[in-house]
Full PDB file with SEQRES, HELIX, SHEET, SSBOND, CRYST1, ORIGX, SCALE, CONECT and MASTER records, all heavy atoms in Angstrom:
SEQRES   1 A   34  VAL THR THR CYS ILE CYS VAL MET LEU ASN LEU VAL GLU          
SEQRES   2 A   34  ALA ALA TYR LEU ILE GLY LYS ARG CYS HIS GLU TYR LEU          
SEQRES   3 A   34  LEU ALA GLY SER GLU GLU GLY CYS                              
HELIX    1 AA1 THR A    2  GLY A   33  1                                  32    
CRYST1    1.000    1.000    1.000  90.00  90.00  90.00 P 1           1          
ORIGX1      1.000000  0.000000  0.000000        0.00000                         
ORIGX2      0.000000  1.000000  0.000000        0.00000                         
ORIGX3      0.000000  0.000000  1.000000        0.00000                         
SCALE1      1.000000  0.000000  0.000000        0.00000                         
SCALE2      0.000000  1.000000  0.000000        0.00000                         
SCALE3      0.000000  0.000000  1.000000        0.00000                         
ATOM      1  N   VAL A   1     125.510 328.139 153.342  1.00  0.00           N  
ATOM      2  CA  VAL A   1     125.483 327.277 154.624  1.00  0.00           C  
ATOM      3  C   VAL A   1     124.704 328.088 155.692  1.00  0.00           C  
ATOM      4  O   VAL A   1     123.814 327.457 156.386  1.00  0.00           O  
ATOM      5  CB  VAL A   1     126.935 326.981 155.013  1.00  0.00           C  
ATOM      6  CG1 VAL A   1     126.958 326.421 156.406  1.00  0.00           C  
ATOM      7  CG2 VAL A   1     127.531 326.056 153.987  1.00  0.00           C  
ATOM      8  N   THR A   2     125.034 329.375 155.862  1.00  0.00           N  
ATOM      9  CA  THR A   2     124.236 330.137 156.887  1.00  0.00           C  
ATOM     10  C   THR A   2     122.772 330.221 156.575  1.00  0.00           C  
ATOM     11  O   THR A   2     121.954 330.165 157.487  1.00  0.00           O  
ATOM     12  CB  THR A   2     124.860 331.540 156.999  1.00  0.00           C  
ATOM     13  OG1 THR A   2     124.819 332.150 155.713  1.00  0.00           O  
ATOM     14  CG2 THR A   2     126.276 331.538 157.566  1.00  0.00           C  
ATOM     15  N   THR A   3     122.385 330.280 155.336  1.00  0.00           N  
ATOM     16  CA  THR A   3     121.006 330.326 154.915  1.00  0.00           C  
ATOM     17  C   THR A   3     120.301 328.983 155.265  1.00  0.00           C  
ATOM     18  O   THR A   3     119.183 328.920 155.842  1.00  0.00           O  
ATOM     19  CB  THR A   3     120.827 330.568 153.457  1.00  0.00           C  
ATOM     20  OG1 THR A   3     121.380 331.861 153.124  1.00  0.00           O  
ATOM     21  CG2 THR A   3     119.340 330.606 153.033  1.00  0.00           C  
ATOM     22  N   CYS A   4     120.992 327.867 155.101  1.00  0.00           N  
ATOM     23  CA  CYS A   4     120.461 326.479 155.411  1.00  0.00           C  
ATOM     24  C   CYS A   4     120.327 326.412 156.918  1.00  0.00           C  
ATOM     25  O   CYS A   4     119.285 325.860 157.356  1.00  0.00           O  
ATOM     26  CB  CYS A   4     121.355 325.425 154.861  1.00  0.00           C  
ATOM     27  SG  CYS A   4     121.397 325.290 153.116  1.00  0.00           S  
ATOM     28  N   ILE A   5     121.232 326.919 157.721  1.00  0.00           N  
ATOM     29  CA  ILE A   5     121.098 326.872 159.130  1.00  0.00           C  
ATOM     30  C   ILE A   5     119.931 327.753 159.577  1.00  0.00           C  
ATOM     31  O   ILE A   5     119.112 327.349 160.532  1.00  0.00           O  
ATOM     32  CB  ILE A   5     122.416 327.319 159.856  1.00  0.00           C  
ATOM     33  CG1 ILE A   5     123.553 326.365 159.448  1.00  0.00           C  
ATOM     34  CG2 ILE A   5     122.190 327.465 161.392  1.00  0.00           C  
ATOM     35  CD1 ILE A   5     124.879 326.922 159.969  1.00  0.00           C  
ATOM     36  N   CYS A   6     119.689 328.923 158.953  1.00  0.00           N  
ATOM     37  CA  CYS A   6     118.553 329.751 159.383  1.00  0.00           C  
ATOM     38  C   CYS A   6     117.202 329.032 159.069  1.00  0.00           C  
ATOM     39  O   CYS A   6     116.322 329.100 159.785  1.00  0.00           O  
ATOM     40  CB  CYS A   6     118.617 331.118 158.589  1.00  0.00           C  
ATOM     41  SG  CYS A   6     119.838 332.245 159.120  1.00  0.00           S  
ATOM     42  N   VAL A   7     117.135 328.363 157.873  1.00  0.00           N  
ATOM     43  CA  VAL A   7     115.872 327.629 157.491  1.00  0.00           C  
ATOM     44  C   VAL A   7     115.677 326.592 158.583  1.00  0.00           C  
ATOM     45  O   VAL A   7     114.584 326.395 159.054  1.00  0.00           O  
ATOM     46  CB  VAL A   7     116.116 327.021 156.142  1.00  0.00           C  
ATOM     47  CG1 VAL A   7     114.908 326.011 155.869  1.00  0.00           C  
ATOM     48  CG2 VAL A   7     116.091 328.028 155.058  1.00  0.00           C  
ATOM     49  N   MET A   8     116.696 325.841 159.040  1.00  0.00           N  
ATOM     50  CA  MET A   8     116.583 324.801 160.081  1.00  0.00           C  
ATOM     51  C   MET A   8     116.044 325.408 161.344  1.00  0.00           C  
ATOM     52  O   MET A   8     115.162 324.835 162.038  1.00  0.00           O  
ATOM     53  CB  MET A   8     117.878 324.142 160.310  1.00  0.00           C  
ATOM     54  CG  MET A   8     118.248 323.154 159.107  1.00  0.00           C  
ATOM     55  SD  MET A   8     119.815 322.350 159.464  1.00  0.00           S  
ATOM     56  CE  MET A   8     119.493 321.457 160.932  1.00  0.00           C  
ATOM     57  N   LEU A   9     116.605 326.579 161.755  1.00  0.00           N  
ATOM     58  CA  LEU A   9     116.189 327.199 162.970  1.00  0.00           C  
ATOM     59  C   LEU A   9     114.716 327.689 162.917  1.00  0.00           C  
ATOM     60  O   LEU A   9     113.983 327.558 163.883  1.00  0.00           O  
ATOM     61  CB  LEU A   9     117.052 328.472 163.256  1.00  0.00           C  
ATOM     62  CG  LEU A   9     118.480 328.152 163.725  1.00  0.00           C  
ATOM     63  CD1 LEU A   9     119.252 329.427 163.894  1.00  0.00           C  
ATOM     64  CD2 LEU A   9     118.448 327.509 165.167  1.00  0.00           C  
ATOM     65  N   ASN A  10     114.264 328.156 161.755  1.00  0.00           N  
ATOM     66  CA  ASN A  10     112.887 328.586 161.573  1.00  0.00           C  
ATOM     67  C   ASN A  10     111.979 327.401 161.692  1.00  0.00           C  
ATOM     68  O   ASN A  10     110.915 327.481 162.348  1.00  0.00           O  
ATOM     69  CB  ASN A  10     112.717 329.222 160.222  1.00  0.00           C  
ATOM     70  CG  ASN A  10     113.309 330.636 160.131  1.00  0.00           C  
ATOM     71  OD1 ASN A  10     113.857 330.977 159.013  1.00  0.00           O  
ATOM     72  ND2 ASN A  10     113.230 331.388 161.161  1.00  0.00           N  
ATOM     73  N   LEU A  11     112.320 326.273 161.133  1.00  0.00           N  
ATOM     74  CA  LEU A  11     111.436 325.081 161.145  1.00  0.00           C  
ATOM     75  C   LEU A  11     111.467 324.470 162.589  1.00  0.00           C  
ATOM     76  O   LEU A  11     110.374 324.086 163.015  1.00  0.00           O  
ATOM     77  CB  LEU A  11     111.938 324.084 160.121  1.00  0.00           C  
ATOM     78  CG  LEU A  11     111.923 324.438 158.666  1.00  0.00           C  
ATOM     79  CD1 LEU A  11     112.450 323.332 157.744  1.00  0.00           C  
ATOM     80  CD2 LEU A  11     110.464 324.861 158.299  1.00  0.00           C  
ATOM     81  N   VAL A  12     112.610 324.485 163.246  1.00  0.00           N  
ATOM     82  CA  VAL A  12     112.642 324.020 164.626  1.00  0.00           C  
ATOM     83  C   VAL A  12     111.790 324.903 165.540  1.00  0.00           C  
ATOM     84  O   VAL A  12     111.064 324.349 166.352  1.00  0.00           O  
ATOM     85  CB  VAL A  12     114.114 323.853 165.073  1.00  0.00           C  
ATOM     86  CG1 VAL A  12     114.177 323.660 166.592  1.00  0.00           C  
ATOM     87  CG2 VAL A  12     114.888 322.800 164.382  1.00  0.00           C  
ATOM     88  N   GLU A  13     111.896 326.204 165.309  1.00  0.00           N  
ATOM     89  CA  GLU A  13     111.130 327.050 166.131  1.00  0.00           C  
ATOM     90  C   GLU A  13     109.590 326.912 165.929  1.00  0.00           C  
ATOM     91  O   GLU A  13     108.736 326.960 166.781  1.00  0.00           O  
ATOM     92  CB  GLU A  13     111.511 328.497 165.869  1.00  0.00           C  
ATOM     93  CG  GLU A  13     110.824 329.542 166.886  1.00  0.00           C  
ATOM     94  CD  GLU A  13     111.351 330.946 166.708  1.00  0.00           C  
ATOM     95  OE1 GLU A  13     112.002 331.197 165.682  1.00  0.00           O  
ATOM     96  OE2 GLU A  13     111.014 331.837 167.568  1.00  0.00           O  
ATOM     97  N   ALA A  14     109.209 326.712 164.619  1.00  0.00           N  
ATOM     98  CA  ALA A  14     107.838 326.482 164.344  1.00  0.00           C  
ATOM     99  C   ALA A  14     107.325 325.186 164.935  1.00  0.00           C  
ATOM    100  O   ALA A  14     106.208 325.111 165.487  1.00  0.00           O  
ATOM    101  CB  ALA A  14     107.613 326.451 162.778  1.00  0.00           C  
ATOM    102  N   ALA A  15     108.124 324.108 164.839  1.00  0.00           N  
ATOM    103  CA  ALA A  15     107.744 322.881 165.479  1.00  0.00           C  
ATOM    104  C   ALA A  15     107.601 323.049 167.014  1.00  0.00           C  
ATOM    105  O   ALA A  15     106.721 322.448 167.596  1.00  0.00           O  
ATOM    106  CB  ALA A  15     108.788 321.786 165.097  1.00  0.00           C  
ATOM    107  N   TYR A  16     108.510 323.869 167.553  1.00  0.00           N  
ATOM    108  CA  TYR A  16     108.479 324.022 169.026  1.00  0.00           C  
ATOM    109  C   TYR A  16     107.255 324.811 169.472  1.00  0.00           C  
ATOM    110  O   TYR A  16     106.561 324.415 170.439  1.00  0.00           O  
ATOM    111  CB  TYR A  16     109.702 324.924 169.397  1.00  0.00           C  
ATOM    112  CG  TYR A  16     109.648 325.445 170.835  1.00  0.00           C  
ATOM    113  CD1 TYR A  16     109.790 324.633 171.899  1.00  0.00           C  
ATOM    114  CD2 TYR A  16     109.323 326.781 171.034  1.00  0.00           C  
ATOM    115  CE1 TYR A  16     109.785 325.168 173.183  1.00  0.00           C  
ATOM    116  CE2 TYR A  16     109.249 327.291 172.309  1.00  0.00           C  
ATOM    117  CZ  TYR A  16     109.535 326.473 173.383  1.00  0.00           C  
ATOM    118  OH  TYR A  16     109.359 327.000 174.760  1.00  0.00           O  
ATOM    119  N   LEU A  17     106.845 325.820 168.689  1.00  0.00           N  
ATOM    120  CA  LEU A  17     105.607 326.562 168.958  1.00  0.00           C  
ATOM    121  C   LEU A  17     104.342 325.627 168.810  1.00  0.00           C  
ATOM    122  O   LEU A  17     103.499 325.664 169.703  1.00  0.00           O  
ATOM    123  CB  LEU A  17     105.393 327.785 168.094  1.00  0.00           C  
ATOM    124  CG  LEU A  17     106.448 328.909 168.285  1.00  0.00           C  
ATOM    125  CD1 LEU A  17     106.184 330.030 167.323  1.00  0.00           C  
ATOM    126  CD2 LEU A  17     106.200 329.522 169.708  1.00  0.00           C  
ATOM    127  N   ILE A  18     104.305 324.866 167.820  1.00  0.00           N  
ATOM    128  CA  ILE A  18     103.155 324.011 167.569  1.00  0.00           C  
ATOM    129  C   ILE A  18     103.072 322.921 168.628  1.00  0.00           C  
ATOM    130  O   ILE A  18     102.056 322.567 169.185  1.00  0.00           O  
ATOM    131  CB  ILE A  18     103.157 323.358 166.158  1.00  0.00           C  
ATOM    132  CG1 ILE A  18     103.122 324.449 165.108  1.00  0.00           C  
ATOM    133  CG2 ILE A  18     102.147 322.299 165.992  1.00  0.00           C  
ATOM    134  CD1 ILE A  18     103.231 323.944 163.690  1.00  0.00           C  
ATOM    135  N   GLY A  19     104.280 322.327 169.013  1.00  0.00           N  
ATOM    136  CA  GLY A  19     104.322 321.259 169.981  1.00  0.00           C  
ATOM    137  C   GLY A  19     103.901 321.815 171.375  1.00  0.00           C  
ATOM    138  O   GLY A  19     103.230 321.182 172.138  1.00  0.00           O  
ATOM    139  N   LYS A  20     104.375 323.082 171.670  1.00  0.00           N  
ATOM    140  CA  LYS A  20     104.055 323.695 172.933  1.00  0.00           C  
ATOM    141  C   LYS A  20     102.558 323.972 173.002  1.00  0.00           C  
ATOM    142  O   LYS A  20     101.890 323.746 174.095  1.00  0.00           O  
ATOM    143  CB  LYS A  20     104.799 325.020 173.117  1.00  0.00           C  
ATOM    144  CG  LYS A  20     104.619 325.663 174.491  1.00  0.00           C  
ATOM    145  CD  LYS A  20     105.465 326.919 174.518  1.00  0.00           C  
ATOM    146  CE  LYS A  20     105.193 327.625 175.924  1.00  0.00           C  
ATOM    147  NZ  LYS A  20     105.977 328.913 175.972  1.00  0.00           N  
ATOM    148  N   ARG A  21     101.943 324.427 171.986  1.00  0.00           N  
ATOM    149  CA  ARG A  21     100.479 324.758 171.942  1.00  0.00           C  
ATOM    150  C   ARG A  21      99.711 323.414 172.066  1.00  0.00           C  
ATOM    151  O   ARG A  21      98.690 323.370 172.856  1.00  0.00           O  
ATOM    152  CB  ARG A  21     100.117 325.424 170.677  1.00  0.00           C  
ATOM    153  CG  ARG A  21      98.620 325.795 170.477  1.00  0.00           C  
ATOM    154  CD  ARG A  21      98.049 326.527 171.669  1.00  0.00           C  
ATOM    155  NE  ARG A  21      98.754 327.795 171.856  1.00  0.00           N  
ATOM    156  CZ  ARG A  21      98.353 328.882 171.281  1.00  0.00           C  
ATOM    157  NH1 ARG A  21      97.306 328.889 170.523  1.00  0.00           N  
ATOM    158  NH2 ARG A  21      99.053 330.043 171.556  1.00  0.00           N  
ATOM    159  N   CYS A  22     100.088 322.340 171.371  1.00  0.00           N  
ATOM    160  CA  CYS A  22      99.443 321.073 171.554  1.00  0.00           C  
ATOM    161  C   CYS A  22      99.514 320.509 172.968  1.00  0.00           C  
ATOM    162  O   CYS A  22      98.527 320.014 173.522  1.00  0.00           O  
ATOM    163  CB  CYS A  22     100.006 320.054 170.523  1.00  0.00           C  
ATOM    164  SG  CYS A  22      99.658 320.482 168.768  1.00  0.00           S  
ATOM    165  N   HIS A  23     100.710 320.656 173.557  1.00  0.00           N  
ATOM    166  CA  HIS A  23     100.903 320.258 174.871  1.00  0.00           C  
ATOM    167  C   HIS A  23      99.934 321.020 175.892  1.00  0.00           C  
ATOM    168  O   HIS A  23      99.365 320.404 176.815  1.00  0.00           O  
ATOM    169  CB  HIS A  23     102.395 320.419 175.359  1.00  0.00           C  
ATOM    170  CG  HIS A  23     102.765 320.011 176.721  1.00  0.00           C  
ATOM    171  ND1 HIS A  23     102.603 318.652 177.177  1.00  0.00           N  
ATOM    172  CD2 HIS A  23     103.031 320.684 177.842  1.00  0.00           C  
ATOM    173  CE1 HIS A  23     102.957 318.580 178.430  1.00  0.00           C  
ATOM    174  NE2 HIS A  23     103.179 319.820 178.896  1.00  0.00           N  
ATOM    175  N   GLU A  24      99.767 322.326 175.662  1.00  0.00           N  
ATOM    176  CA  GLU A  24      98.922 323.061 176.565  1.00  0.00           C  
ATOM    177  C   GLU A  24      97.447 322.659 176.371  1.00  0.00           C  
ATOM    178  O   GLU A  24      96.732 322.631 177.338  1.00  0.00           O  
ATOM    179  CB  GLU A  24      99.067 324.563 176.153  1.00  0.00           C  
ATOM    180  CG  GLU A  24     100.424 325.208 176.547  1.00  0.00           C  
ATOM    181  CD  GLU A  24     100.583 326.609 176.091  1.00  0.00           C  
ATOM    182  OE1 GLU A  24      99.681 327.101 175.336  1.00  0.00           O  
ATOM    183  OE2 GLU A  24     101.579 327.252 176.491  1.00  0.00           O  
ATOM    184  N   TYR A  25      97.073 322.304 175.172  1.00  0.00           N  
ATOM    185  CA  TYR A  25      95.669 321.895 174.900  1.00  0.00           C  
ATOM    186  C   TYR A  25      95.483 320.515 175.555  1.00  0.00           C  
ATOM    187  O   TYR A  25      94.409 320.232 176.100  1.00  0.00           O  
ATOM    188  CB  TYR A  25      95.420 321.732 173.406  1.00  0.00           C  
ATOM    189  CG  TYR A  25      95.037 323.119 172.806  1.00  0.00           C  
ATOM    190  CD1 TYR A  25      95.666 323.578 171.655  1.00  0.00           C  
ATOM    191  CD2 TYR A  25      93.917 323.870 173.286  1.00  0.00           C  
ATOM    192  CE1 TYR A  25      95.244 324.828 171.115  1.00  0.00           C  
ATOM    193  CE2 TYR A  25      93.488 324.978 172.758  1.00  0.00           C  
ATOM    194  CZ  TYR A  25      94.205 325.492 171.648  1.00  0.00           C  
ATOM    195  OH  TYR A  25      93.844 326.726 171.091  1.00  0.00           O  
ATOM    196  N   LEU A  26      96.480 319.666 175.518  1.00  0.00           N  
ATOM    197  CA  LEU A  26      96.324 318.324 176.177  1.00  0.00           C  
ATOM    198  C   LEU A  26      96.237 318.515 177.663  1.00  0.00           C  
ATOM    199  O   LEU A  26      95.409 317.766 178.327  1.00  0.00           O  
ATOM    200  CB  LEU A  26      97.512 317.476 175.731  1.00  0.00           C  
ATOM    201  CG  LEU A  26      97.531 317.000 174.317  1.00  0.00           C  
ATOM    202  CD1 LEU A  26      98.806 316.171 174.007  1.00  0.00           C  
ATOM    203  CD2 LEU A  26      96.304 316.133 174.001  1.00  0.00           C  
ATOM    204  N   LEU A  27      97.021 319.316 178.280  1.00  0.00           N  
ATOM    205  CA  LEU A  27      96.954 319.609 179.693  1.00  0.00           C  
ATOM    206  C   LEU A  27      95.641 320.138 180.109  1.00  0.00           C  
ATOM    207  O   LEU A  27      95.070 319.785 181.101  1.00  0.00           O  
ATOM    208  CB  LEU A  27      98.069 320.506 180.137  1.00  0.00           C  
ATOM    209  CG  LEU A  27      99.548 319.913 180.184  1.00  0.00           C  
ATOM    210  CD1 LEU A  27     100.530 321.060 180.564  1.00  0.00           C  
ATOM    211  CD2 LEU A  27      99.587 318.775 181.148  1.00  0.00           C  
ATOM    212  N   ALA A  28      95.142 321.091 179.262  1.00  0.00           N  
ATOM    213  CA  ALA A  28      93.775 321.731 179.551  1.00  0.00           C  
ATOM    214  C   ALA A  28      92.735 320.671 179.534  1.00  0.00           C  
ATOM    215  O   ALA A  28      91.827 320.660 180.328  1.00  0.00           O  
ATOM    216  CB  ALA A  28      93.544 322.934 178.654  1.00  0.00           C  
ATOM    217  N   GLY A  29      92.811 319.820 178.508  1.00  0.00           N  
ATOM    218  CA  GLY A  29      91.783 318.798 178.389  1.00  0.00           C  
ATOM    219  C   GLY A  29      91.788 317.711 179.491  1.00  0.00           C  
ATOM    220  O   GLY A  29      90.769 317.337 179.948  1.00  0.00           O  
ATOM    221  N   SER A  30      93.090 317.428 179.911  1.00  0.00           N  
ATOM    222  CA  SER A  30      93.189 316.486 181.019  1.00  0.00           C  
ATOM    223  C   SER A  30      92.680 317.032 182.309  1.00  0.00           C  
ATOM    224  O   SER A  30      92.029 316.346 183.115  1.00  0.00           O  
ATOM    225  CB  SER A  30      94.633 315.962 181.240  1.00  0.00           C  
ATOM    226  OG  SER A  30      95.456 317.133 181.518  1.00  0.00           O  
ATOM    227  N   GLU A  31      92.951 318.388 182.571  1.00  0.00           N  
ATOM    228  CA  GLU A  31      92.420 319.024 183.785  1.00  0.00           C  
ATOM    229  C   GLU A  31      90.888 319.055 183.755  1.00  0.00           C  
ATOM    230  O   GLU A  31      90.250 318.815 184.801  1.00  0.00           O  
ATOM    231  CB  GLU A  31      92.931 320.418 183.874  1.00  0.00           C  
ATOM    232  CG  GLU A  31      94.466 320.431 184.199  1.00  0.00           C  
ATOM    233  CD  GLU A  31      95.031 321.844 184.195  1.00  0.00           C  
ATOM    234  OE1 GLU A  31      94.240 322.768 183.967  1.00  0.00           O  
ATOM    235  OE2 GLU A  31      96.227 321.987 184.521  1.00  0.00           O  
ATOM    236  N   GLU A  32      90.316 319.345 182.609  1.00  0.00           N  
ATOM    237  CA  GLU A  32      88.815 319.366 182.557  1.00  0.00           C  
ATOM    238  C   GLU A  32      88.202 317.983 182.793  1.00  0.00           C  
ATOM    239  O   GLU A  32      87.190 317.794 183.374  1.00  0.00           O  
ATOM    240  CB  GLU A  32      88.358 319.890 181.200  1.00  0.00           C  
ATOM    241  CG  GLU A  32      88.624 321.392 181.014  1.00  0.00           C  
ATOM    242  CD  GLU A  32      88.228 321.901 179.578  1.00  0.00           C  
ATOM    243  OE1 GLU A  32      87.719 321.000 178.851  1.00  0.00           O  
ATOM    244  OE2 GLU A  32      88.374 323.031 179.363  1.00  0.00           O  
ATOM    245  N   GLY A  33      88.939 316.959 182.267  1.00  0.00           N  
ATOM    246  CA  GLY A  33      88.441 315.588 182.453  1.00  0.00           C  
ATOM    247  C   GLY A  33      88.533 315.162 183.971  1.00  0.00           C  
ATOM    248  O   GLY A  33      87.672 314.465 184.468  1.00  0.00           O  
ATOM    249  N   CYS A  34      89.572 315.654 184.657  1.00  0.00           N  
ATOM    250  CA  CYS A  34      89.677 315.283 186.100  1.00  0.00           C  
ATOM    251  C   CYS A  34      88.591 316.003 186.927  1.00  0.00           C  
ATOM    252  O   CYS A  34      88.088 315.407 187.942  1.00  0.00           O  
ATOM    253  CB  CYS A  34      91.018 315.767 186.618  1.00  0.00           C  
ATOM    254  SG  CYS A  34      92.427 314.813 185.938  1.00  0.00           S  
TER     255      CYS A  34                                                      
MASTER        0    0    0    1    0    0    0    6  254    1    0    3          
END                                                                             
């Protein structure tokens, strides 16, 4: 059970990092467009 929870935390953290990086790229692109 603890191993399954650790796997979920790793995947959530990876999704968080990727989502945060995509959000930063979108903000940078919108600022350049303005």
